[in-house]
């Protein structure tokens, strides 16, 4: 008998699954905690985006701007 294939989780899959969750199943405290978690994640994503933009700007300054 063949072994089952390992399930691979793709980038962003967990986030996509989380936004489809039925929020009616959560209590007030759980919803408040979810909001705190999402706000922290937004901050983390914004910080990473800013680092990437700064890296791109540094590369453009060094090597010249990209031609669109």
N, C-alpha and C. Protein backbone atom coordinates (compact mmCIF):
# COMPACT_ATOMS: atom_id res chain seq x y z
N UNK A 1 0.84 -1.18 0.00
CA UNK A 1 0.00 0.00 0.00
C UNK A 1 0.89 1.24 0.00
N UNK A 2 0.54 2.23 -0.81
CA UNK A 2 1.33 3.45 -0.91
C UNK A 2 1.10 4.35 0.31
N UNK A 3 2.17 5.04 0.67
CA UNK A 3 2.07 6.02 1.75
C UNK A 3 1.32 7.25 1.21
N UNK A 4 0.51 7.90 2.04
CA UNK A 4 -0.16 9.12 1.58
C UNK A 4 0.86 10.22 1.31
N UNK A 5 0.59 10.99 0.29
CA UNK A 5 1.49 12.10 -0.05
C UNK A 5 1.46 13.14 1.07
N UNK A 6 2.61 13.73 1.31
CA UNK A 6 2.70 14.78 2.32
C UNK A 6 1.95 16.01 1.82
N UNK A 7 1.10 16.55 2.67
CA UNK A 7 0.34 17.73 2.30
C UNK A 7 1.23 18.95 2.47
N UNK A 8 1.34 19.72 1.41
CA UNK A 8 2.16 20.94 1.47
C UNK A 8 1.27 22.15 1.64
N UNK A 9 1.65 23.00 2.54
CA UNK A 9 0.91 24.23 2.76
C UNK A 9 1.60 25.33 1.96
N UNK A 10 0.84 25.97 1.10
CA UNK A 10 1.40 27.01 0.25
C UNK A 10 1.42 28.35 0.97
N UNK A 11 2.20 29.27 0.43
CA UNK A 11 2.29 30.61 1.02
C UNK A 11 0.91 31.26 1.05
N UNK A 12 0.56 31.77 2.19
CA UNK A 12 -0.71 32.48 2.33
C UNK A 12 -1.92 31.58 2.53
N UNK A 13 -1.73 30.27 2.48
CA UNK A 13 -2.86 29.34 2.60
C UNK A 13 -3.53 29.45 3.97
N UNK A 14 -2.73 29.53 5.01
CA UNK A 14 -3.32 29.62 6.36
C UNK A 14 -4.10 30.91 6.54
N UNK A 15 -3.60 32.00 5.98
CA UNK A 15 -4.32 33.27 6.05
C UNK A 15 -5.64 33.17 5.30
N UNK A 16 -5.61 32.58 4.12
CA UNK A 16 -6.83 32.40 3.34
C UNK A 16 -7.84 31.55 4.10
N UNK A 17 -7.37 30.53 4.78
CA UNK A 17 -8.26 29.68 5.58
C UNK A 17 -8.83 30.46 6.76
N UNK A 18 -8.01 31.29 7.38
CA UNK A 18 -8.46 32.04 8.56
C UNK A 18 -9.56 33.04 8.20
N UNK A 19 -9.47 33.67 7.05
CA UNK A 19 -10.48 34.68 6.70
C UNK A 19 -11.81 34.04 6.31
N UNK A 20 -11.81 32.73 6.07
CA UNK A 20 -13.06 32.03 5.74
C UNK A 20 -13.72 31.40 6.97
N UNK A 21 -13.10 31.54 8.14
CA UNK A 21 -13.67 30.95 9.34
C UNK A 21 -15.00 31.61 9.69
N UNK A 22 -15.91 30.83 10.25
CA UNK A 22 -17.21 31.32 10.67
C UNK A 22 -17.05 32.07 11.99
N UNK A 23 -17.18 33.37 11.95
CA UNK A 23 -16.96 34.19 13.15
C UNK A 23 -18.10 34.05 14.14
N UNK A 24 -19.23 33.51 13.73
CA UNK A 24 -20.34 33.30 14.66
C UNK A 24 -19.97 32.31 15.76
N UNK A 25 -18.98 31.49 15.50
CA UNK A 25 -18.57 30.48 16.47
C UNK A 25 -17.67 31.03 17.57
N UNK A 26 -17.20 32.27 17.43
CA UNK A 26 -16.29 32.87 18.39
C UNK A 26 -17.05 33.70 19.42
N UNK A 27 -16.53 33.71 20.65
CA UNK A 27 -17.07 34.58 21.69
C UNK A 27 -16.43 35.96 21.62
N UNK A 28 -16.92 36.86 22.44
CA UNK A 28 -16.42 38.24 22.44
C UNK A 28 -14.93 38.29 22.74
N UNK A 29 -14.49 37.60 23.76
CA UNK A 29 -13.07 37.61 24.13
C UNK A 29 -12.23 37.05 22.99
N UNK A 30 -12.70 35.97 22.38
CA UNK A 30 -11.95 35.37 21.27
C UNK A 30 -11.88 36.33 20.08
N UNK A 31 -12.95 37.05 19.82
CA UNK A 31 -12.93 38.02 18.72
C UNK A 31 -11.98 39.18 19.02
N UNK A 32 -11.96 39.63 20.28
CA UNK A 32 -11.03 40.70 20.67
C UNK A 32 -9.59 40.23 20.53
N UNK A 33 -9.32 39.00 20.93
CA UNK A 33 -7.97 38.45 20.78
C UNK A 33 -7.60 38.32 19.31
N UNK A 34 -8.56 37.94 18.49
CA UNK A 34 -8.31 37.81 17.06
C UNK A 34 -7.94 39.16 16.45
N UNK A 35 -8.67 40.21 16.86
CA UNK A 35 -8.36 41.56 16.38
C UNK A 35 -6.95 41.96 16.79
N UNK A 36 -6.56 41.69 18.04
CA UNK A 36 -5.20 42.02 18.49
C UNK A 36 -4.16 41.27 17.66
N UNK A 37 -4.41 40.01 17.40
CA UNK A 37 -3.48 39.20 16.60
C UNK A 37 -3.37 39.75 15.19
N UNK A 38 -4.51 40.09 14.60
CA UNK A 38 -4.50 40.62 13.23
C UNK A 38 -3.79 41.97 13.16
N UNK A 39 -4.00 42.82 14.16
CA UNK A 39 -3.32 44.13 14.18
C UNK A 39 -1.80 43.94 14.30
N UNK A 40 -1.39 42.99 15.12
CA UNK A 40 0.04 42.71 15.26
C UNK A 40 0.60 42.19 13.94
N UNK A 41 -0.16 41.37 13.25
CA UNK A 41 0.28 40.83 11.96
C UNK A 41 0.36 41.93 10.91
N UNK A 42 -0.60 42.85 10.92
CA UNK A 42 -0.55 43.99 10.00
C UNK A 42 0.72 44.80 10.25
N UNK A 43 1.06 45.05 11.50
CA UNK A 43 2.28 45.78 11.82
C UNK A 43 3.52 45.06 11.33
N UNK A 44 3.54 43.75 11.49
CA UNK A 44 4.67 42.94 11.04
C UNK A 44 4.81 42.99 9.52
N UNK A 45 3.69 42.90 8.83
CA UNK A 45 3.71 42.95 7.36
C UNK A 45 4.13 44.34 6.87
N UNK A 46 3.61 45.39 7.51
CA UNK A 46 3.99 46.75 7.12
C UNK A 46 5.48 46.99 7.34
N UNK A 47 6.04 46.48 8.42
CA UNK A 47 7.47 46.64 8.69
C UNK A 47 8.30 45.92 7.62
N UNK A 48 7.88 44.71 7.25
CA UNK A 48 8.59 43.96 6.21
C UNK A 48 8.50 44.67 4.87
N UNK A 49 7.33 45.20 4.57
CA UNK A 49 7.14 45.94 3.32
C UNK A 49 8.05 47.16 3.27
N UNK A 50 8.16 47.86 4.38
CA UNK A 50 9.03 49.03 4.44
C UNK A 50 10.50 48.64 4.26
N UNK A 51 10.92 47.52 4.86
CA UNK A 51 12.30 47.05 4.67
C UNK A 51 12.56 46.71 3.20
N UNK A 52 11.60 46.09 2.57
CA UNK A 52 11.77 45.73 1.15
C UNK A 52 11.81 46.98 0.28
N UNK A 53 10.96 47.95 0.57
CA UNK A 53 10.97 49.20 -0.18
C UNK A 53 12.30 49.94 0.00
N UNK A 54 12.81 49.93 1.23
CA UNK A 54 14.09 50.59 1.50
C UNK A 54 15.22 49.88 0.75
N UNK A 55 15.18 48.55 0.73
CA UNK A 55 16.19 47.80 -0.01
C UNK A 55 16.12 48.09 -1.50
N UNK A 56 14.91 48.17 -2.03
CA UNK A 56 14.73 48.49 -3.45
C UNK A 56 15.25 49.90 -3.74
N UNK A 57 14.94 50.85 -2.87
CA UNK A 57 15.39 52.23 -3.06
C UNK A 57 16.92 52.30 -3.02
N UNK A 58 17.54 51.55 -2.11
CA UNK A 58 19.00 51.53 -2.02
C UNK A 58 19.61 50.94 -3.29
N UNK A 59 19.02 49.87 -3.80
CA UNK A 59 19.52 49.26 -5.04
C UNK A 59 19.34 50.20 -6.22
N UNK A 60 18.19 50.86 -6.28
CA UNK A 60 17.95 51.82 -7.36
C UNK A 60 18.95 52.98 -7.30
N UNK A 61 19.25 53.44 -6.08
CA UNK A 61 20.20 54.54 -5.93
C UNK A 61 21.60 54.10 -6.36
N UNK A 62 21.95 52.87 -6.08
CA UNK A 62 23.27 52.37 -6.42
C UNK A 62 23.41 52.01 -7.90
N UNK A 63 22.42 51.36 -8.43
CA UNK A 63 22.51 50.85 -9.80
C UNK A 63 21.66 51.62 -10.81
N UNK A 64 20.94 52.61 -10.35
CA UNK A 64 20.05 53.37 -11.23
C UNK A 64 18.64 52.80 -11.14
N UNK A 65 17.69 53.61 -11.50
CA UNK A 65 16.30 53.18 -11.39
C UNK A 65 15.96 52.16 -12.46
N UNK A 66 14.99 51.35 -12.15
CA UNK A 66 14.53 50.35 -13.12
C UNK A 66 13.76 51.06 -14.22
N UNK A 67 13.87 50.54 -15.42
CA UNK A 67 13.03 51.05 -16.49
C UNK A 67 11.78 50.20 -16.52
N UNK A 68 10.61 50.87 -16.46
CA UNK A 68 9.34 50.19 -16.31
C UNK A 68 8.91 49.54 -17.52
